[in-house]
Amino acid sequence: MDPIFSIDDERHYLGNLLAEDDDEEESGPSVREPSHRISEKPSMSFNVLEGLRKIANGAGTSLTKAEVSKLIDIVSDLRTRTVFNDVPVNFENFPKFIDSQPDIAAEYLLYILTENPTKLDLFLETLMALSLSVQTLITVNRFISRCEEMNYLIPNEFLHNFVSYCMTSCEQTHSNKILVNRLVRMVCVFFTTLLRLKSFDAKRRIPEMQSFATSFSYVKEAVVLYQATLQFK
């Protein structure tokens, strides 16, 4: 029997899916991998606020990997994440954060959860108005993983809505088999993660997850998900 991944393993696995199938036909923006120029370290003149503004303005993929790493370090630190106060993140440009820098988008959701929780639902609705993609899954996966890490209460109803959103997106995507298979793989890994979350009431979704996994049983990750539902207590 295939082993069930730990939450960290699943998080890394989702990220690794970004790098796969490079030789396959491009399937549109829903599966596009964020691209960064290679650099060992950020430029000495790199400005954190300017980097965040680039993302907000749709130029997030122009940042180097080192610059992105520096931004993530800043916005994930409780002492420095208030830098978000100086960047105009709103419902119009938040999708640009998700599309080009999903890890930073997740940190912004975490920031809103603690600093301005009344707006969180609106940002989550903005996310779910987008097409399901690698980026949306990584954003949500990091968000819930960080909530667990920080002992923050995860919005349970959002997770249930997101489960339905993922299932519907996979079932209604028929135009491109490569895209469907890739989305199903990611969704199954994500669902397996949810089953391991103590704060998520997964019991009521088990029948749906089993049905979903059975529908896509030709995908290895769907088989692993089905096994995980059988082990769920």
Protein backbone atom coordinates (compact mmCIF):
# COMPACT_ATOMS: atom_id res chain seq x y z
CA MET A 1 0.00 0.00 0.00
CA ASP A 2 1.33 3.46 -0.91
CA PRO A 3 2.31 5.55 2.11
CA ILE A 4 0.21 8.54 3.03
CA PHE A 5 2.30 11.70 2.88
CA SER A 6 2.83 14.01 5.80
CA ILE A 7 1.46 17.52 5.42
CA ASP A 8 4.95 18.84 4.66
CA ASP A 9 5.53 16.10 2.09
CA GLU A 10 2.25 16.93 0.41
CA ARG A 11 3.11 20.64 0.36
CA HIS A 12 6.42 19.90 -1.36
CA TYR A 13 4.75 17.46 -3.73
CA LEU A 14 2.26 20.07 -4.86
CA GLY A 15 5.15 22.42 -5.53
CA ASN A 16 7.04 19.75 -7.45
CA LEU A 17 4.12 19.34 -9.83
CA LEU A 18 4.95 22.81 -11.12
CA ALA A 19 8.20 21.53 -12.57
CA GLU A 20 6.78 18.44 -14.26
CA ASP A 21 5.65 17.86 -17.84
CA ASP A 22 7.88 20.60 -19.26
CA ASP A 23 7.91 18.77 -22.58
CA GLU A 24 4.14 18.59 -22.79
CA GLU A 25 1.97 20.95 -24.74
CA GLU A 26 1.24 24.23 -22.94
CA SER A 27 -2.31 24.16 -21.60
CA GLY A 28 -2.93 27.85 -20.93
CA PRO A 29 -2.52 30.07 -17.86
CA SER A 30 -4.18 27.58 -15.53
CA VAL A 31 -1.07 25.41 -15.52
CA ARG A 32 1.61 28.00 -16.13
CA GLU A 33 4.62 27.77 -13.87
CA PRO A 34 5.75 31.05 -12.32
CA SER A 35 9.05 31.94 -13.92
CA HIS A 36 11.93 33.75 -12.24
CA ARG A 37 15.30 34.86 -13.46
CA ILE A 38 18.08 32.85 -11.84
CA SER A 39 20.20 34.65 -9.28
CA GLU A 40 22.16 33.49 -6.26
CA LYS A 41 21.31 36.53 -4.16
CA PRO A 42 19.06 39.59 -4.36
CA SER A 43 20.46 42.74 -5.88
CA MET A 44 22.00 45.07 -3.30
CA SER A 45 19.47 47.66 -4.46
CA PHE A 46 16.48 45.32 -4.09
CA ASN A 47 13.63 47.03 -2.27
CA VAL A 48 11.03 44.86 -0.54
CA LEU A 49 8.19 47.32 -1.06
CA GLU A 50 9.10 47.71 -4.70
CA GLY A 51 9.10 43.94 -5.08
CA LEU A 52 5.60 43.66 -3.61
CA ARG A 53 4.40 46.51 -5.81
CA LYS A 54 5.74 44.69 -8.86
CA ILE A 55 3.61 41.69 -7.95
CA ALA A 56 0.56 43.91 -7.38
CA ASN A 57 1.10 45.48 -10.80
CA GLY A 58 1.34 42.12 -12.56
CA ALA A 59 5.13 42.02 -12.92
CA GLY A 60 5.78 39.41 -10.23
CA THR A 61 7.46 36.95 -12.59
CA SER A 62 10.25 39.46 -13.26
CA LEU A 63 11.61 38.92 -9.73
CA THR A 64 14.58 36.61 -9.25
CA LYS A 65 14.29 33.51 -7.10
CA ALA A 66 16.49 35.15 -4.48
CA GLU A 67 14.26 38.24 -4.42
CA VAL A 68 11.16 36.09 -4.03
CA SER A 69 12.85 34.18 -1.20
CA LYS A 70 13.66 37.45 0.55
CA LEU A 71 10.07 38.65 0.17
CA ILE A 72 8.72 35.40 1.63
CA ASP A 73 11.10 35.71 4.58
CA ILE A 74 9.84 39.25 5.25
CA VAL A 75 6.10 38.63 4.89
CA SER A 76 6.13 35.37 6.85
CA ASP A 77 7.82 36.96 9.87
CA LEU A 78 5.42 38.36 12.48
CA ARG A 79 7.87 41.19 13.14
CA THR A 80 8.08 42.42 9.56
CA ARG A 81 4.94 41.29 7.73
CA THR A 82 3.32 44.67 8.44
CA VAL A 83 5.07 45.68 5.22
CA PHE A 84 1.77 44.63 3.65
CA ASN A 85 0.31 47.85 5.10
CA ASP A 86 2.37 49.84 2.62
CA VAL A 87 1.29 47.90 -0.46
CA PRO A 88 -2.14 48.39 -2.05
CA VAL A 89 -3.33 44.77 -2.07
CA ASN A 90 -7.00 44.68 -3.02
CA PHE A 91 -9.59 42.42 -4.60
CA GLU A 92 -8.57 43.57 -8.08
CA ASN A 93 -4.84 42.82 -7.85
CA PHE A 94 -4.90 39.91 -5.39
CA PRO A 95 -5.29 37.44 -8.31
CA LYS A 96 -1.93 38.72 -9.60
CA PHE A 97 -0.31 37.65 -6.33
CA ILE A 98 -1.92 34.21 -6.67
CA ASP A 99 -0.91 33.84 -10.31
CA SER A 100 2.75 34.81 -10.02
CA GLN A 101 3.65 34.36 -6.33
CA PRO A 102 1.18 32.00 -4.60
CA ASP A 103 3.34 31.62 -1.48
CA ILE A 104 3.20 35.37 -0.91
CA ALA A 105 -0.54 35.37 -1.64
CA ALA A 106 -0.94 32.76 1.11
CA GLU A 107 1.01 34.91 3.55
CA TYR A 108 -1.27 37.82 2.74
CA LEU A 109 -4.32 35.71 3.57
CA LEU A 110 -2.67 34.80 6.86
CA TYR A 111 -1.99 38.48 7.52
CA ILE A 112 -5.62 39.41 6.80
CA LEU A 113 -6.83 36.56 9.03
CA THR A 114 -5.06 38.08 12.02
CA GLU A 115 -5.11 41.81 11.25
CA ASN A 116 -8.39 42.39 9.43
CA PRO A 117 -10.48 39.20 9.63
CA THR A 118 -13.67 40.89 8.42
CA LYS A 119 -12.10 41.13 4.96
CA LEU A 120 -10.84 37.55 4.80
CA ASP A 121 -14.05 36.08 3.36
CA LEU A 122 -13.97 38.59 0.51
CA PHE A 123 -10.39 37.67 -0.41
CA LEU A 124 -11.25 33.97 -0.24
CA GLU A 125 -14.25 34.58 -2.49
CA THR A 126 -11.93 36.39 -4.91
CA LEU A 127 -9.69 33.32 -4.96
CA MET A 128 -12.59 30.96 -5.63
CA ALA A 129 -13.81 33.15 -8.49
CA LEU A 130 -10.64 32.20 -10.38
CA SER A 131 -10.18 29.07 -12.45
CA LEU A 132 -8.66 26.20 -10.49
CA SER A 133 -4.90 26.12 -11.09
CA VAL A 134 -1.57 25.09 -9.66
CA GLN A 135 -1.32 28.55 -8.17
CA THR A 136 -4.69 28.54 -6.39
CA LEU A 137 -3.98 25.14 -4.87
CA ILE A 138 -0.52 26.14 -3.67
CA THR A 139 -1.96 29.35 -2.20
CA VAL A 140 -4.63 27.50 -0.21
CA ASN A 141 -2.32 24.65 0.76
CA ARG A 142 0.29 27.03 2.17
CA PHE A 143 -2.41 29.09 3.88
CA ILE A 144 -3.84 26.14 5.78
CA SER A 145 -0.39 24.72 6.54
CA ARG A 146 0.70 28.04 8.01
CA CYS A 147 -2.54 28.33 10.00
CA GLU A 148 -1.76 24.93 11.52
CA GLU A 149 1.81 25.99 12.22
CA MET A 150 0.72 29.22 13.92
CA ASN A 151 -2.23 27.60 15.73
CA TYR A 152 -4.70 29.88 13.94
CA LEU A 153 -8.28 28.75 13.43
CA ILE A 154 -8.75 27.76 9.79
CA PRO A 155 -12.03 28.97 8.24
CA ASN A 156 -13.74 25.57 8.09
CA GLU A 157 -16.63 26.60 5.87
CA PHE A 158 -14.19 27.97 3.32
CA LEU A 159 -12.40 24.63 3.21
CA HIS A 160 -15.68 22.82 2.56
CA ASN A 161 -16.54 25.29 -0.18
CA PHE A 162 -13.07 24.88 -1.65
CA VAL A 163 -13.44 21.09 -1.69
CA SER A 164 -16.64 21.46 -3.73
CA TYR A 165 -14.94 24.02 -5.98
CA CYS A 166 -12.05 21.62 -6.66
CA MET A 167 -14.32 18.68 -7.44
CA THR A 168 -16.54 20.69 -9.75
CA SER A 169 -13.56 22.21 -11.56
CA CYS A 170 -12.05 18.79 -12.29
CA GLU A 171 -15.36 17.27 -13.35
CA GLN A 172 -16.20 20.15 -15.69
CA THR A 173 -12.78 20.41 -17.37
CA HIS A 174 -13.03 18.27 -20.50
CA SER A 175 -11.17 20.21 -23.19
CA ASN A 176 -7.64 19.09 -22.36
CA LYS A 177 -6.79 15.65 -20.97
CA ILE A 178 -3.31 16.74 -19.81
CA LEU A 179 -4.85 19.63 -17.87
CA VAL A 180 -7.54 17.41 -16.33
CA ASN A 181 -5.03 14.80 -15.19
CA ARG A 182 -2.73 17.41 -13.71
CA LEU A 183 -5.53 19.12 -11.81
CA VAL A 184 -6.82 15.79 -10.52
CA ARG A 185 -3.35 14.84 -9.28
CA MET A 186 -2.99 18.11 -7.38
CA VAL A 187 -6.51 18.02 -5.98
CA CYS A 188 -6.09 14.45 -4.72
CA VAL A 189 -2.85 15.36 -2.94
CA PHE A 190 -4.57 18.42 -1.48
CA PHE A 191 -7.55 16.36 -0.27
CA THR A 192 -5.17 13.88 1.35
CA THR A 193 -3.66 16.83 3.22
CA LEU A 194 -7.10 17.91 4.43
CA LEU A 195 -7.81 14.47 5.85
CA ARG A 196 -4.84 14.95 8.16
CA LEU A 197 -5.93 18.34 9.48
CA LYS A 198 -7.30 18.14 13.00
CA SER A 199 -9.27 21.33 12.52
CA PHE A 200 -11.12 20.14 9.40
CA ASP A 201 -14.37 18.19 9.74
CA ALA A 202 -13.58 15.76 6.93
CA LYS A 203 -15.98 13.02 7.98
CA ARG A 204 -18.94 14.50 6.14
CA ARG A 205 -16.92 14.71 2.90
CA ILE A 206 -15.57 11.15 2.88
CA PRO A 207 -18.29 9.71 0.58
CA GLU A 208 -17.76 12.53 -1.93
CA MET A 209 -14.00 12.14 -1.85
CA GLN A 210 -14.31 8.39 -2.38
CA SER A 211 -16.62 8.96 -5.34
CA PHE A 212 -14.25 11.55 -6.76
CA ALA A 213 -11.26 9.24 -6.36
CA THR A 214 -13.15 6.37 -7.99
CA SER A 215 -14.06 8.56 -10.97
CA PHE A 216 -10.38 9.24 -11.60
CA SER A 217 -8.98 5.90 -10.48
CA TYR A 218 -6.60 5.83 -13.46
CA VAL A 219 -4.61 8.58 -11.69
CA LYS A 220 -2.15 7.26 -9.08
CA GLU A 221 -2.85 10.08 -6.64
CA ALA A 222 -6.58 9.27 -6.75
CA VAL A 223 -5.81 5.73 -5.61
CA VAL A 224 -3.73 7.12 -2.73
CA LEU A 225 -6.61 9.44 -1.80
CA TYR A 226 -9.07 6.54 -1.79
CA GLN A 227 -6.76 4.56 0.48
CA ALA A 228 -6.52 7.58 2.79
CA THR A 229 -10.31 7.81 3.06
CA LEU A 230 -10.46 4.14 4.05
CA GLN A 231 -7.93 4.79 6.82
CA PHE A 232 -9.72 7.92 8.03
CA LYS A 233 -11.01 7.70 11.60
